[in-house]
Amino acid sequence: MPQAVGVIQTLGFPAVLAAADAMVKGGRVTLVYYDLAERGEFLVAVRGPVSEVNLSVEKGLAAAESTPGGEVVSHYIVPNPPENVLAVLPVEYTEKVARFRNAAN
């Protein structure tokens, strides 16, 4: 099954928390990365089947934008990321997230 990576970057922590919550509840995805970007910006990344990541990011964007003071800085979806991208970026399934991974993804 083709996999995708979906990322949302927000200004402020409450918006990224709302986005992450909505993303994992909105589709069969696994949260694989979270970090502080810069200047008070945060980002969260999920992986899963392409159709589920699309739905998940849509739900995450809606949640982040409806958070008081929340602002989405950017977002993107990479369907079927090549091996060299997975080798360089921290979006691989790790042991830390393995127990939360849905069997379907």
N, C-alpha and C. Protein backbone atom coordinates (compact mmCIF):
# COMPACT_ATOMS: atom_id res chain seq x y z
N MET A 1 0.85 -1.18 0.00
CA MET A 1 0.00 0.00 0.00
C MET A 1 0.89 1.24 0.00
N PRO A 2 0.68 2.19 -0.93
CA PRO A 2 1.49 3.40 -0.98
C PRO A 2 1.38 4.21 0.31
N GLN A 3 2.51 4.67 0.79
CA GLN A 3 2.58 5.46 2.00
C GLN A 3 2.80 6.93 1.66
N ALA A 4 2.43 7.80 2.58
CA ALA A 4 2.65 9.24 2.42
C ALA A 4 3.11 9.81 3.74
N VAL A 5 3.68 11.00 3.67
CA VAL A 5 4.06 11.78 4.84
C VAL A 5 3.29 13.08 4.77
N GLY A 6 2.66 13.47 5.88
CA GLY A 6 1.94 14.73 5.95
C GLY A 6 2.49 15.57 7.08
N VAL A 7 2.74 16.84 6.82
CA VAL A 7 3.35 17.73 7.80
C VAL A 7 2.52 19.01 7.93
N ILE A 8 2.35 19.46 9.16
CA ILE A 8 1.72 20.75 9.44
C ILE A 8 2.66 21.54 10.33
N GLN A 9 2.88 22.82 9.97
CA GLN A 9 3.70 23.72 10.76
C GLN A 9 2.82 24.87 11.22
N THR A 10 2.87 25.15 12.52
CA THR A 10 2.03 26.20 13.08
C THR A 10 2.86 27.21 13.85
N LEU A 11 2.25 28.35 14.10
CA LEU A 11 2.83 29.35 14.98
C LEU A 11 2.19 29.14 16.34
N GLY A 12 2.99 28.73 17.32
CA GLY A 12 2.49 28.50 18.67
C GLY A 12 2.18 27.05 18.95
N PHE A 13 2.35 26.68 20.21
CA PHE A 13 2.15 25.29 20.62
C PHE A 13 0.69 24.83 20.64
N PRO A 14 -0.26 25.61 21.13
CA PRO A 14 -1.64 25.12 21.18
C PRO A 14 -2.17 24.67 19.82
N ALA A 15 -1.82 25.38 18.77
CA ALA A 15 -2.31 25.03 17.43
C ALA A 15 -1.71 23.71 16.95
N VAL A 16 -0.42 23.48 17.21
CA VAL A 16 0.19 22.22 16.76
C VAL A 16 -0.33 21.05 17.59
N LEU A 17 -0.63 21.29 18.86
CA LEU A 17 -1.20 20.23 19.69
C LEU A 17 -2.59 19.84 19.18
N ALA A 18 -3.40 20.84 18.86
CA ALA A 18 -4.73 20.57 18.30
C ALA A 18 -4.61 19.86 16.96
N ALA A 19 -3.66 20.27 16.13
CA ALA A 19 -3.46 19.64 14.83
C ALA A 19 -3.05 18.18 15.00
N ALA A 20 -2.09 17.91 15.87
CA ALA A 20 -1.62 16.53 16.08
C ALA A 20 -2.75 15.64 16.58
N ASP A 21 -3.53 16.15 17.51
CA ASP A 21 -4.65 15.39 18.05
C ASP A 21 -5.66 15.05 16.96
N ALA A 22 -6.01 16.06 16.17
CA ALA A 22 -6.99 15.85 15.09
C ALA A 22 -6.44 14.93 14.00
N MET A 23 -5.15 15.01 13.75
CA MET A 23 -4.54 14.18 12.70
C MET A 23 -4.60 12.69 13.05
N VAL A 24 -4.23 12.35 14.28
CA VAL A 24 -4.23 10.93 14.63
C VAL A 24 -5.64 10.39 14.84
N LYS A 25 -6.59 11.26 15.14
CA LYS A 25 -7.98 10.84 15.28
C LYS A 25 -8.71 10.85 13.95
N GLY A 26 -8.20 11.63 12.98
CA GLY A 26 -8.89 11.82 11.72
C GLY A 26 -8.55 10.81 10.64
N GLY A 27 -7.57 9.97 10.87
CA GLY A 27 -7.20 8.97 9.87
C GLY A 27 -6.31 7.89 10.47
N ARG A 28 -6.13 6.81 9.73
CA ARG A 28 -5.27 5.72 10.19
C ARG A 28 -3.82 6.08 9.91
N VAL A 29 -3.28 6.95 10.74
CA VAL A 29 -1.91 7.43 10.56
C VAL A 29 -1.14 7.26 11.86
N THR A 30 0.18 7.34 11.75
CA THR A 30 1.06 7.27 12.91
C THR A 30 1.84 8.56 13.00
N LEU A 31 1.83 9.19 14.16
CA LEU A 31 2.62 10.39 14.38
C LEU A 31 4.08 9.95 14.45
N VAL A 32 4.91 10.44 13.52
CA VAL A 32 6.30 9.99 13.46
C VAL A 32 7.30 11.07 13.84
N TYR A 33 6.86 12.33 13.91
CA TYR A 33 7.82 13.40 14.22
C TYR A 33 7.08 14.61 14.78
N TYR A 34 7.72 15.24 15.75
CA TYR A 34 7.23 16.48 16.33
C TYR A 34 8.45 17.26 16.78
N ASP A 35 8.48 18.56 16.54
CA ASP A 35 9.62 19.35 17.00
C ASP A 35 9.31 20.84 16.91
N LEU A 36 10.16 21.61 17.55
CA LEU A 36 10.13 23.05 17.47
C LEU A 36 10.87 23.43 16.20
N ALA A 37 10.26 24.24 15.35
CA ALA A 37 10.92 24.66 14.11
C ALA A 37 11.84 25.85 14.43
N GLU A 38 11.30 27.04 14.49
CA GLU A 38 12.02 28.23 14.91
C GLU A 38 11.03 29.37 15.10
N ARG A 39 11.47 30.40 15.80
CA ARG A 39 10.63 31.58 16.04
C ARG A 39 9.25 31.23 16.59
N GLY A 40 9.17 30.25 17.47
CA GLY A 40 7.88 29.89 18.06
C GLY A 40 7.02 29.04 17.15
N GLU A 41 7.61 28.49 16.10
CA GLU A 41 6.86 27.63 15.19
C GLU A 41 7.13 26.17 15.53
N PHE A 42 6.10 25.37 15.40
CA PHE A 42 6.19 23.94 15.70
C PHE A 42 5.73 23.16 14.48
N LEU A 43 6.21 21.93 14.36
CA LEU A 43 5.72 21.09 13.28
C LEU A 43 5.47 19.68 13.76
N VAL A 44 4.55 19.03 13.07
CA VAL A 44 4.17 17.67 13.39
C VAL A 44 4.05 16.91 12.07
N ALA A 45 4.52 15.66 12.06
CA ALA A 45 4.47 14.84 10.84
C ALA A 45 3.82 13.50 11.13
N VAL A 46 3.02 13.05 10.18
CA VAL A 46 2.37 11.74 10.28
C VAL A 46 2.67 10.94 9.03
N ARG A 47 2.57 9.60 9.16
CA ARG A 47 2.73 8.71 8.00
C ARG A 47 1.60 7.71 7.99
N GLY A 48 1.29 7.24 6.81
CA GLY A 48 0.25 6.24 6.64
C GLY A 48 -0.12 6.13 5.18
N PRO A 49 -1.19 5.40 4.88
CA PRO A 49 -1.65 5.31 3.50
C PRO A 49 -1.98 6.70 2.95
N VAL A 50 -1.74 6.90 1.65
CA VAL A 50 -1.92 8.21 1.03
C VAL A 50 -3.29 8.80 1.31
N SER A 51 -4.34 8.03 1.12
CA SER A 51 -5.70 8.56 1.33
C SER A 51 -5.93 8.93 2.79
N GLU A 52 -5.37 8.18 3.71
CA GLU A 52 -5.54 8.48 5.14
C GLU A 52 -4.75 9.71 5.54
N VAL A 53 -3.56 9.88 4.98
CA VAL A 53 -2.76 11.07 5.29
C VAL A 53 -3.46 12.32 4.75
N ASN A 54 -4.03 12.24 3.56
CA ASN A 54 -4.77 13.38 3.01
C ASN A 54 -5.91 13.80 3.95
N LEU A 55 -6.68 12.84 4.40
CA LEU A 55 -7.79 13.11 5.33
C LEU A 55 -7.27 13.64 6.65
N SER A 56 -6.20 13.03 7.16
CA SER A 56 -5.63 13.42 8.44
C SER A 56 -5.12 14.86 8.42
N VAL A 57 -4.43 15.24 7.36
CA VAL A 57 -3.91 16.60 7.27
C VAL A 57 -5.07 17.60 7.15
N GLU A 58 -6.10 17.25 6.41
CA GLU A 58 -7.27 18.11 6.29
C GLU A 58 -7.88 18.38 7.67
N LYS A 59 -8.03 17.32 8.47
CA LYS A 59 -8.60 17.48 9.82
C LYS A 59 -7.66 18.29 10.72
N GLY A 60 -6.35 18.04 10.59
CA GLY A 60 -5.37 18.77 11.39
C GLY A 60 -5.35 20.25 11.08
N LEU A 61 -5.46 20.59 9.80
CA LEU A 61 -5.50 22.01 9.40
C LEU A 61 -6.72 22.71 9.98
N ALA A 62 -7.86 22.05 9.91
CA ALA A 62 -9.09 22.64 10.45
C ALA A 62 -8.97 22.87 11.96
N ALA A 63 -8.39 21.91 12.66
CA ALA A 63 -8.24 22.04 14.11
C ALA A 63 -7.26 23.15 14.47
N ALA A 64 -6.14 23.23 13.76
CA ALA A 64 -5.14 24.27 14.06
C ALA A 64 -5.69 25.65 13.78
N GLU A 65 -6.41 25.81 12.68
CA GLU A 65 -6.96 27.12 12.33
C GLU A 65 -8.09 27.55 13.25
N SER A 66 -8.78 26.60 13.87
CA SER A 66 -9.87 26.96 14.77
C SER A 66 -9.40 27.14 16.22
N THR A 67 -8.12 26.91 16.47
CA THR A 67 -7.56 27.13 17.81
C THR A 67 -7.39 28.64 18.03
N PRO A 68 -7.88 29.18 19.15
CA PRO A 68 -7.72 30.61 19.40
C PRO A 68 -6.25 31.03 19.32
N GLY A 69 -5.98 31.99 18.46
CA GLY A 69 -4.61 32.45 18.26
C GLY A 69 -3.78 31.54 17.38
N GLY A 70 -4.37 30.44 16.93
CA GLY A 70 -3.64 29.49 16.11
C GLY A 70 -3.44 29.98 14.69
N GLU A 71 -2.28 29.71 14.15
CA GLU A 71 -1.98 30.11 12.78
C GLU A 71 -1.19 29.00 12.09
N VAL A 72 -1.67 28.55 10.96
CA VAL A 72 -0.94 27.55 10.18
C VAL A 72 0.06 28.30 9.31
N VAL A 73 1.33 27.94 9.46
CA VAL A 73 2.40 28.57 8.69
C VAL A 73 2.54 27.87 7.34
N SER A 74 2.55 26.55 7.35
CA SER A 74 2.63 25.79 6.11
C SER A 74 2.18 24.36 6.36
N HIS A 75 1.93 23.66 5.27
CA HIS A 75 1.61 22.25 5.34
C HIS A 75 1.92 21.63 3.99
N TYR A 76 2.19 20.35 4.00
CA TYR A 76 2.43 19.64 2.75
C TYR A 76 2.26 18.15 2.95
N ILE A 77 2.05 17.48 1.84
CA ILE A 77 1.91 16.03 1.82
C ILE A 77 2.85 15.50 0.75
N VAL A 78 3.64 14.50 1.11
CA VAL A 78 4.54 13.86 0.16
C VAL A 78 4.06 12.44 -0.05
N PRO A 79 3.37 12.17 -1.16
CA PRO A 79 2.94 10.80 -1.42
C PRO A 79 4.11 9.96 -1.92
N ASN A 80 4.20 8.74 -1.43
CA ASN A 80 5.24 7.80 -1.85
C ASN A 80 6.64 8.39 -1.80
N PRO A 81 7.11 8.81 -0.63
CA PRO A 81 8.45 9.41 -0.55
C PRO A 81 9.51 8.36 -0.92
N PRO A 82 10.52 8.75 -1.72
CA PRO A 82 11.56 7.81 -2.11
C PRO A 82 12.46 7.45 -0.93
N GLU A 83 13.18 6.35 -1.08
CA GLU A 83 14.05 5.84 -0.01
C GLU A 83 15.07 6.88 0.46
N ASN A 84 15.63 7.66 -0.47
CA ASN A 84 16.66 8.63 -0.05
C ASN A 84 16.06 9.73 0.82
N VAL A 85 14.80 10.08 0.63
CA VAL A 85 14.15 11.05 1.49
C VAL A 85 13.93 10.45 2.88
N LEU A 86 13.48 9.21 2.92
CA LEU A 86 13.26 8.55 4.21
C LEU A 86 14.56 8.35 4.97
N ALA A 87 15.65 8.15 4.25
CA ALA A 87 16.95 7.95 4.90
C ALA A 87 17.48 9.23 5.53
N VAL A 88 17.12 10.38 4.99
CA VAL A 88 17.67 11.65 5.46
C VAL A 88 16.76 12.35 6.46
N LEU A 89 15.46 12.36 6.20
CA LEU A 89 14.54 13.07 7.08
C LEU A 89 14.04 12.17 8.21
N PRO A 90 13.74 12.74 9.37
CA PRO A 90 13.31 11.94 10.53
C PRO A 90 11.82 11.58 10.48
N VAL A 91 11.39 10.89 9.41
CA VAL A 91 9.98 10.53 9.28
C VAL A 91 9.79 9.02 9.14
N GLU A 92 10.81 8.26 9.49
CA GLU A 92 10.73 6.80 9.41
C GLU A 92 9.99 6.27 10.63
N TYR A 93 9.34 5.12 10.47
CA TYR A 93 8.74 4.45 11.63
C TYR A 93 9.89 3.97 12.51
N THR A 94 9.89 4.35 13.77
CA THR A 94 10.94 3.95 14.71
C THR A 94 10.37 3.04 15.77
N GLU A 95 11.24 2.48 16.59
CA GLU A 95 10.79 1.63 17.69
C GLU A 95 9.92 2.43 18.66
N LYS A 96 10.22 3.72 18.79
CA LYS A 96 9.47 4.58 19.70
C LYS A 96 8.00 4.68 19.32
N VAL A 97 7.69 4.66 18.00
CA VAL A 97 6.31 4.80 17.56
C VAL A 97 5.70 3.47 17.12
N ALA A 98 6.47 2.41 17.10
CA ALA A 98 6.00 1.12 16.58
C ALA A 98 4.76 0.61 17.29
N ARG A 99 4.69 0.76 18.61
CA ARG A 99 3.54 0.22 19.33
C ARG A 99 2.25 0.99 19.06
N PHE A 100 2.37 2.21 18.50
CA PHE A 100 1.20 3.01 18.18
C PHE A 100 0.79 2.86 16.71
N ARG A 101 1.57 2.13 15.96
CA ARG A 101 1.34 1.99 14.53
C ARG A 101 0.13 1.08 14.27
N ASN A 102 -0.76 1.54 13.42
CA ASN A 102 -1.93 0.77 13.02
C ASN A 102 -1.45 -0.37 12.12
N ALA A 103 -1.98 -1.55 12.29
CA ALA A 103 -1.58 -2.70 11.49
C ALA A 103 -1.81 -2.49 10.01
N ALA A 104 -2.75 -1.65 9.65
CA ALA A 104 -3.05 -1.40 8.24
C ALA A 104 -2.04 -0.48 7.58
N ASN A 105 -1.21 0.22 8.35
CA ASN A 105 -0.20 1.08 7.73
C ASN A 105 1.13 0.65 8.22
